[in-house]
Amino acid sequence: MDVSLLVCTRNRASSLAATLESVERAAAYAGNTTVEIVLVDNGSVDDTPQRLAQWQARQTFPVHLVHEPNPGLARARNTGLAHCTGRIIAMTDDDCVLHQDYFAAVCAAFQRASGPAIIGGRILLGNPADLPV
């Protein structure tokens, strides 16, 4: 199966490393799954675009960098969706860390679905700044 992973970000240069490293690790464990990553910079004024470009240059799988100057997550996601080509479109936030079997789990969930589906997964809060909920 083909999976497009959409990640939107804005001014997260200092905290993107963990997310991008986890995406890279999950892509390495994707097996026969074709993975593409669509990264949308939502008008960052820090060095987020440069960090995304540096990360893109190191990857062996397709990474599409997209710029959406108008702020707002909905706008960024809609812009990113227009660049996704996978049969499955997955989205994660720019402060999430993917498990290494993320793409295998996404594909398995969609293989169990009998038709078009929207599927969500469990999120474990690991950043003390996100607590209490």
C-alpha atoms as a PDB file:
ATOM      1  CA  MET A   1       0.000   0.000   0.000  1.00  0.00           C
ATOM      2  CA  ASP A   2       1.064   3.571  -0.573  1.00  0.00           C
ATOM      3  CA  VAL A   3       0.974   6.001   2.341  1.00  0.00           C
ATOM      4  CA  SER A   4       1.326   9.775   2.315  1.00  0.00           C
ATOM      5  CA  LEU A   5       2.156  11.235   5.709  1.00  0.00           C
ATOM      6  CA  LEU A   6       1.163  14.877   6.077  1.00  0.00           C
ATOM      7  CA  VAL A   7       2.880  17.004   8.725  1.00  0.00           C
ATOM      8  CA  CYS A   8       2.107  20.712   9.073  1.00  0.00           C
ATOM      9  CA  THR A   9       4.370  22.977  11.078  1.00  0.00           C
ATOM     10  CA  ARG A  10       4.905  26.588  12.025  1.00  0.00           C
ATOM     11  CA  ASN A  11       7.869  28.007  13.942  1.00  0.00           C
ATOM     12  CA  ARG A  12       8.904  24.657  15.449  1.00  0.00           C
ATOM     13  CA  ALA A  13      12.548  24.653  14.367  1.00  0.00           C
ATOM     14  CA  SER A  14      13.793  23.922  17.866  1.00  0.00           C
ATOM     15  CA  SER A  15      11.470  20.973  18.473  1.00  0.00           C
ATOM     16  CA  LEU A  16      11.022  19.300  15.070  1.00  0.00           C
ATOM     17  CA  ALA A  17      14.015  16.974  15.356  1.00  0.00           C
ATOM     18  CA  ALA A  18      12.248  14.296  17.416  1.00  0.00           C
ATOM     19  CA  THR A  19       9.276  14.199  15.056  1.00  0.00           C
ATOM     20  CA  LEU A  20      11.399  14.038  11.909  1.00  0.00           C
ATOM     21  CA  GLU A  21      13.729  11.391  13.376  1.00  0.00           C
ATOM     22  CA  SER A  22      10.719   9.238  14.254  1.00  0.00           C
ATOM     23  CA  VAL A  23       9.300   9.635  10.733  1.00  0.00           C
ATOM     24  CA  GLU A  24      12.655   8.594   9.278  1.00  0.00           C
ATOM     25  CA  ARG A  25      12.837   5.561  11.585  1.00  0.00           C
ATOM     26  CA  ALA A  26       9.250   4.518  10.788  1.00  0.00           C
ATOM     27  CA  ALA A  27       9.914   4.859   7.045  1.00  0.00           C
ATOM     28  CA  ALA A  28      12.966   2.610   7.407  1.00  0.00           C
ATOM     29  CA  TYR A  29      10.724  -0.078   8.954  1.00  0.00           C
ATOM     30  CA  ALA A  30       7.943   0.322   6.384  1.00  0.00           C
ATOM     31  CA  GLY A  31       8.897  -2.840   4.487  1.00  0.00           C
ATOM     32  CA  ASN A  32       7.016  -3.108   1.194  1.00  0.00           C
ATOM     33  CA  THR A  33       4.962  -0.008   1.924  1.00  0.00           C
ATOM     34  CA  THR A  34       5.756   2.953  -0.300  1.00  0.00           C
ATOM     35  CA  VAL A  35       5.975   6.060   1.855  1.00  0.00           C
ATOM     36  CA  GLU A  36       5.995   9.731   0.916  1.00  0.00           C
ATOM     37  CA  ILE A  37       6.156  12.609   3.359  1.00  0.00           C
ATOM     38  CA  VAL A  38       4.453  15.950   2.720  1.00  0.00           C
ATOM     39  CA  LEU A  39       5.771  18.697   5.006  1.00  0.00           C
ATOM     40  CA  VAL A  40       3.852  21.966   5.023  1.00  0.00           C
ATOM     41  CA  ASP A  41       5.554  25.037   6.432  1.00  0.00           C
ATOM     42  CA  ASN A  42       2.763  27.366   7.514  1.00  0.00           C
ATOM     43  CA  GLY A  43       4.550  30.709   7.241  1.00  0.00           C
ATOM     44  CA  SER A  44       7.338  30.134   9.744  1.00  0.00           C
ATOM     45  CA  VAL A  45       9.529  33.112  10.578  1.00  0.00           C
ATOM     46  CA  ASP A  46      12.228  31.062  12.334  1.00  0.00           C
ATOM     47  CA  ASP A  47      14.570  28.606  10.599  1.00  0.00           C
ATOM     48  CA  THR A  48      11.949  25.851  10.275  1.00  0.00           C
ATOM     49  CA  PRO A  49      12.033  25.952   6.426  1.00  0.00           C
ATOM     50  CA  GLN A  50      15.815  25.504   6.411  1.00  0.00           C
ATOM     51  CA  ARG A  51      15.664  22.582   8.847  1.00  0.00           C
ATOM     52  CA  LEU A  52      12.962  20.914   6.779  1.00  0.00           C
ATOM     53  CA  ALA A  53      15.050  21.318   3.605  1.00  0.00           C
ATOM     54  CA  GLN A  54      18.129  19.867   5.324  1.00  0.00           C
ATOM     55  CA  TRP A  55      16.122  16.879   6.523  1.00  0.00           C
ATOM     56  CA  GLN A  56      14.585  16.397   3.067  1.00  0.00           C
ATOM     57  CA  ALA A  57      18.028  16.303   1.440  1.00  0.00           C
ATOM     58  CA  ARG A  58      19.103  13.359   3.635  1.00  0.00           C
ATOM     59  CA  GLN A  59      16.121  11.098   2.895  1.00  0.00           C
ATOM     60  CA  THR A  60      15.923   8.165   0.497  1.00  0.00           C
ATOM     61  CA  PHE A  61      12.112   8.310   0.253  1.00  0.00           C
ATOM     62  CA  PRO A  62      10.083  11.102  -1.364  1.00  0.00           C
ATOM     63  CA  VAL A  63       9.702  14.224   0.754  1.00  0.00           C
ATOM     64  CA  HIS A  64       7.697  17.150  -0.598  1.00  0.00           C
ATOM     65  CA  LEU A  65       8.185  20.554   1.000  1.00  0.00           C
ATOM     66  CA  VAL A  66       5.199  22.835   0.616  1.00  0.00           C
ATOM     67  CA  HIS A  67       4.820  26.450   1.725  1.00  0.00           C
ATOM     68  CA  GLU A  68       1.459  27.813   2.864  1.00  0.00           C
ATOM     69  CA  PRO A  69       1.889  31.484   3.797  1.00  0.00           C
ATOM     70  CA  ASN A  70      -1.611  31.964   5.211  1.00  0.00           C
ATOM     71  CA  PRO A  71      -1.659  30.916   8.872  1.00  0.00           C
ATOM     72  CA  GLY A  72      -3.993  28.244  10.147  1.00  0.00           C
ATOM     73  CA  LEU A  73      -3.840  24.480  10.511  1.00  0.00           C
ATOM     74  CA  ALA A  74      -6.887  23.910   8.291  1.00  0.00           C
ATOM     75  CA  ARG A  75      -5.304  25.923   5.471  1.00  0.00           C
ATOM     76  CA  ALA A  76      -1.995  24.121   5.896  1.00  0.00           C
ATOM     77  CA  ARG A  77      -3.670  20.708   5.837  1.00  0.00           C
ATOM     78  CA  ASN A  78      -5.756  21.543   2.773  1.00  0.00           C
ATOM     79  CA  THR A  79      -2.641  22.762   0.963  1.00  0.00           C
ATOM     80  CA  GLY A  80      -0.762  19.618   1.979  1.00  0.00           C
ATOM     81  CA  LEU A  81      -3.593  17.300   0.949  1.00  0.00           C
ATOM     82  CA  ALA A  82      -3.342  18.672  -2.582  1.00  0.00           C
ATOM     83  CA  HIS A  83       0.235  17.322  -2.708  1.00  0.00           C
ATOM     84  CA  CYS A  84      -0.449  13.838  -1.287  1.00  0.00           C
ATOM     85  CA  THR A  85      -0.429  10.987  -3.809  1.00  0.00           C
ATOM     86  CA  GLY A  86      -0.770   7.910  -1.573  1.00  0.00           C
ATOM     87  CA  ARG A  87      -3.816   5.651  -1.458  1.00  0.00           C
ATOM     88  CA  ILE A  88      -3.766   6.227   2.298  1.00  0.00           C
ATOM     89  CA  ILE A  89      -3.295   9.693   3.740  1.00  0.00           C
ATOM     90  CA  ALA A  90      -2.102   9.850   7.331  1.00  0.00           C
ATOM     91  CA  MET A  91      -1.657  13.006   9.372  1.00  0.00           C
ATOM     92  CA  THR A  92       0.386  13.655  12.470  1.00  0.00           C
ATOM     93  CA  ASP A  93       1.273  16.772  14.391  1.00  0.00           C
ATOM     94  CA  ASP A  94       4.700  18.382  14.444  1.00  0.00           C
ATOM     95  CA  ASP A  95       5.208  17.546  18.123  1.00  0.00           C
ATOM     96  CA  CYS A  96       4.378  13.826  17.849  1.00  0.00           C
ATOM     97  CA  VAL A  97       6.835  10.945  17.804  1.00  0.00           C
ATOM     98  CA  LEU A  98       5.847   7.979  15.636  1.00  0.00           C
ATOM     99  CA  HIS A  99       6.386   4.392  16.733  1.00  0.00           C
ATOM    100  CA  GLN A 100       8.699   2.514  14.375  1.00  0.00           C
ATOM    101  CA  ASP A 101       5.847   0.266  13.173  1.00  0.00           C
ATOM    102  CA  TYR A 102       3.574   3.252  12.436  1.00  0.00           C
ATOM    103  CA  PHE A 103       3.265   2.661   8.680  1.00  0.00           C
ATOM    104  CA  ALA A 104       2.721  -1.088   9.068  1.00  0.00           C
ATOM    105  CA  ALA A 105      -0.016  -0.417  11.635  1.00  0.00           C
ATOM    106  CA  VAL A 106      -1.696   2.176   9.404  1.00  0.00           C
ATOM    107  CA  CYS A 107      -1.715  -0.227   6.455  1.00  0.00           C
ATOM    108  CA  ALA A 108      -3.026  -3.100   8.588  1.00  0.00           C
ATOM    109  CA  ALA A 109      -5.893  -0.937   9.863  1.00  0.00           C
ATOM    110  CA  PHE A 110      -6.917   0.051   6.344  1.00  0.00           C
ATOM    111  CA  GLN A 111      -6.662  -3.532   5.078  1.00  0.00           C
ATOM    112  CA  ARG A 112      -9.249  -4.493   7.712  1.00  0.00           C
ATOM    113  CA  ALA A 113     -11.609  -1.735   6.542  1.00  0.00           C
ATOM    114  CA  SER A 114     -14.222  -2.797   4.003  1.00  0.00           C
ATOM    115  CA  GLY A 115     -14.339   0.587   2.269  1.00  0.00           C
ATOM    116  CA  PRO A 116     -13.305   4.191   2.696  1.00  0.00           C
ATOM    117  CA  ALA A 117     -12.412   4.861   6.314  1.00  0.00           C
ATOM    118  CA  ILE A 118     -11.190   7.425   8.784  1.00  0.00           C
ATOM    119  CA  ILE A 119      -9.084   5.689  11.398  1.00  0.00           C
ATOM    120  CA  GLY A 120      -7.499   7.146  14.514  1.00  0.00           C
ATOM    121  CA  GLY A 121      -4.962   5.739  16.900  1.00  0.00           C
ATOM    122  CA  ARG A 122      -3.901   6.023  20.485  1.00  0.00           C
ATOM    123  CA  ILE A 123      -1.864   9.047  21.524  1.00  0.00           C
ATOM    124  CA  LEU A 124       0.410   8.838  24.534  1.00  0.00           C
ATOM    125  CA  LEU A 125       1.296  12.168  26.099  1.00  0.00           C
ATOM    126  CA  GLY A 126       5.020  12.231  26.708  1.00  0.00           C
ATOM    127  CA  ASN A 127       5.742  15.928  26.971  1.00  0.00           C
ATOM    128  CA  PRO A 128       5.277  17.317  30.495  1.00  0.00           C
ATOM    129  CA  ALA A 129       4.336  20.662  28.918  1.00  0.00           C
ATOM    130  CA  ASP A 130       1.178  18.977  27.592  1.00  0.00           C
ATOM    131  CA  LEU A 131       0.004  17.958  31.067  1.00  0.00           C
ATOM    132  CA  PRO A 132      -2.439  18.147  32.729  1.00  0.00           C
ATOM    133  CA  VAL A 133      -5.002  17.455  30.076  1.00  0.00           C
END
